[in-house]
Amino acid sequence: MSLTRGYFGARKNVWTVAKNTWEKGLTYAYRDRKNKKRNFRALWIQRINAAARLEGMSYSKLMGALHKAGIEINRKVLADLAVNHPEAFKAVVEKAKAA
């Protein structure tokens, strides 16, 4: 019952309802840990695409150029550069274009 503290109505104090609610919550937690990764990757791709288009490239062209240039940088770091350090992102794009 302590695991259902904070739930509303019978979900917190009726054993069978509380148990079912708690188990369902575990299912949602498992599912959403996977979805969180998916959502963040989509966010990073959007940010990289927006910044890449300011530099005259699309996301897919940029990622292809980075791969061809041998620059191994993940999307999380690339998105952070795009948002917080645009001059560093521009340098990475120029390096990718040169190769």
Protein backbone atom coordinates (compact mmCIF):
# COMPACT_ATOMS: atom_id res chain seq x y z
CA MET A 1 0.00 0.00 0.00
CA SER A 2 2.91 2.36 0.58
CA LEU A 3 3.77 2.03 -3.12
CA THR A 4 0.42 3.55 -4.10
CA ARG A 5 0.69 6.54 -1.78
CA GLY A 6 -0.48 9.67 -3.58
CA TYR A 7 -2.93 7.87 -5.87
CA PHE A 8 -6.56 9.05 -5.98
CA GLY A 9 -9.54 7.33 -4.35
CA ALA A 10 -9.70 3.54 -4.21
CA ARG A 11 -6.43 3.30 -6.10
CA LYS A 12 -4.57 4.05 -2.88
CA ASN A 13 -6.50 2.10 -0.20
CA VAL A 14 -8.35 -0.86 -1.74
CA TRP A 15 -5.89 -3.74 -2.02
CA THR A 16 -6.94 -5.23 -5.38
CA VAL A 17 -7.44 -1.89 -7.08
CA ALA A 18 -4.16 -0.55 -5.67
CA LYS A 19 -2.26 -3.69 -6.73
CA ASN A 20 -3.66 -3.53 -10.27
CA THR A 21 -2.90 0.19 -10.54
CA TRP A 22 0.65 -0.29 -9.28
CA GLU A 23 1.31 -3.17 -11.72
CA LYS A 24 -0.09 -1.15 -14.61
CA GLY A 25 2.17 1.72 -13.57
CA LEU A 26 5.19 -0.57 -13.81
CA THR A 27 4.14 -1.48 -17.36
CA TYR A 28 3.85 2.19 -18.29
CA ALA A 29 7.23 2.93 -16.71
CA TYR A 30 8.92 0.19 -18.75
CA ARG A 31 7.27 1.33 -21.98
CA ASP A 32 8.02 4.99 -21.41
CA ARG A 33 11.69 4.42 -20.62
CA LYS A 34 11.92 3.17 -24.21
CA ASN A 35 9.79 6.03 -25.57
CA LYS A 36 11.95 8.59 -23.76
CA LYS A 37 14.98 7.50 -25.77
CA ARG A 38 12.94 7.68 -28.99
CA ASN A 39 11.63 11.16 -28.18
CA PHE A 40 15.04 12.57 -27.33
CA ARG A 41 16.57 11.19 -30.52
CA ALA A 42 13.77 12.85 -32.54
CA LEU A 43 14.38 16.14 -30.71
CA TRP A 44 18.13 15.98 -31.40
CA ILE A 45 17.50 15.29 -35.08
CA GLN A 46 15.14 18.28 -35.34
CA ARG A 47 17.67 20.57 -33.71
CA ILE A 48 20.51 19.35 -35.91
CA ASN A 49 18.35 19.71 -39.02
CA ALA A 50 17.38 23.28 -38.15
CA ALA A 51 20.98 24.29 -37.53
CA ALA A 52 22.24 22.45 -40.61
CA ARG A 53 19.74 24.25 -42.82
CA LEU A 54 21.12 27.58 -41.56
CA GLU A 55 24.47 26.36 -42.90
CA GLY A 56 22.94 25.37 -46.25
CA MET A 57 22.70 21.60 -45.74
CA SER A 58 19.96 19.17 -44.88
CA TYR A 59 20.20 16.79 -41.94
CA SER A 60 20.76 13.73 -44.12
CA LYS A 61 23.45 15.44 -46.22
CA LEU A 62 25.21 16.58 -43.04
CA MET A 63 25.17 13.15 -41.44
CA GLY A 64 26.43 11.58 -44.66
CA ALA A 65 29.23 14.13 -44.90
CA LEU A 66 30.21 13.57 -41.26
CA HIS A 67 30.37 9.82 -41.85
CA LYS A 68 32.41 10.26 -45.03
CA ALA A 69 34.80 12.66 -43.27
CA GLY A 70 35.29 10.15 -40.45
CA ILE A 71 33.94 12.52 -37.82
CA GLU A 72 32.38 10.39 -35.09
CA ILE A 73 30.13 12.64 -33.05
CA ASN A 74 26.80 11.51 -31.66
CA ARG A 75 23.50 13.27 -32.19
CA LYS A 76 23.18 14.36 -28.56
CA VAL A 77 26.47 16.27 -28.63
CA LEU A 78 25.83 17.61 -32.13
CA ALA A 79 22.42 18.95 -31.06
CA ASP A 80 23.97 20.56 -27.98
CA LEU A 81 26.57 22.25 -30.18
CA ALA A 82 23.85 23.44 -32.55
CA VAL A 83 21.84 25.05 -29.75
CA ASN A 84 24.48 26.30 -27.31
CA HIS A 85 27.63 26.74 -29.43
CA PRO A 86 26.65 27.66 -33.00
CA GLU A 87 30.20 28.67 -33.94
CA ALA A 88 31.50 25.22 -32.96
CA PHE A 89 28.65 23.60 -34.91
CA LYS A 90 29.56 25.73 -37.92
CA ALA A 91 33.17 24.55 -37.65
CA VAL A 92 32.04 20.92 -37.62
CA VAL A 93 29.86 21.52 -40.69
CA GLU A 94 32.73 23.20 -42.53
CA LYS A 95 35.02 20.27 -41.68
CA ALA A 96 32.41 17.85 -43.00
CA LYS A 97 31.92 19.86 -46.20
CA ALA A 98 35.67 19.95 -46.84
CA ALA A 99 36.02 16.17 -46.81
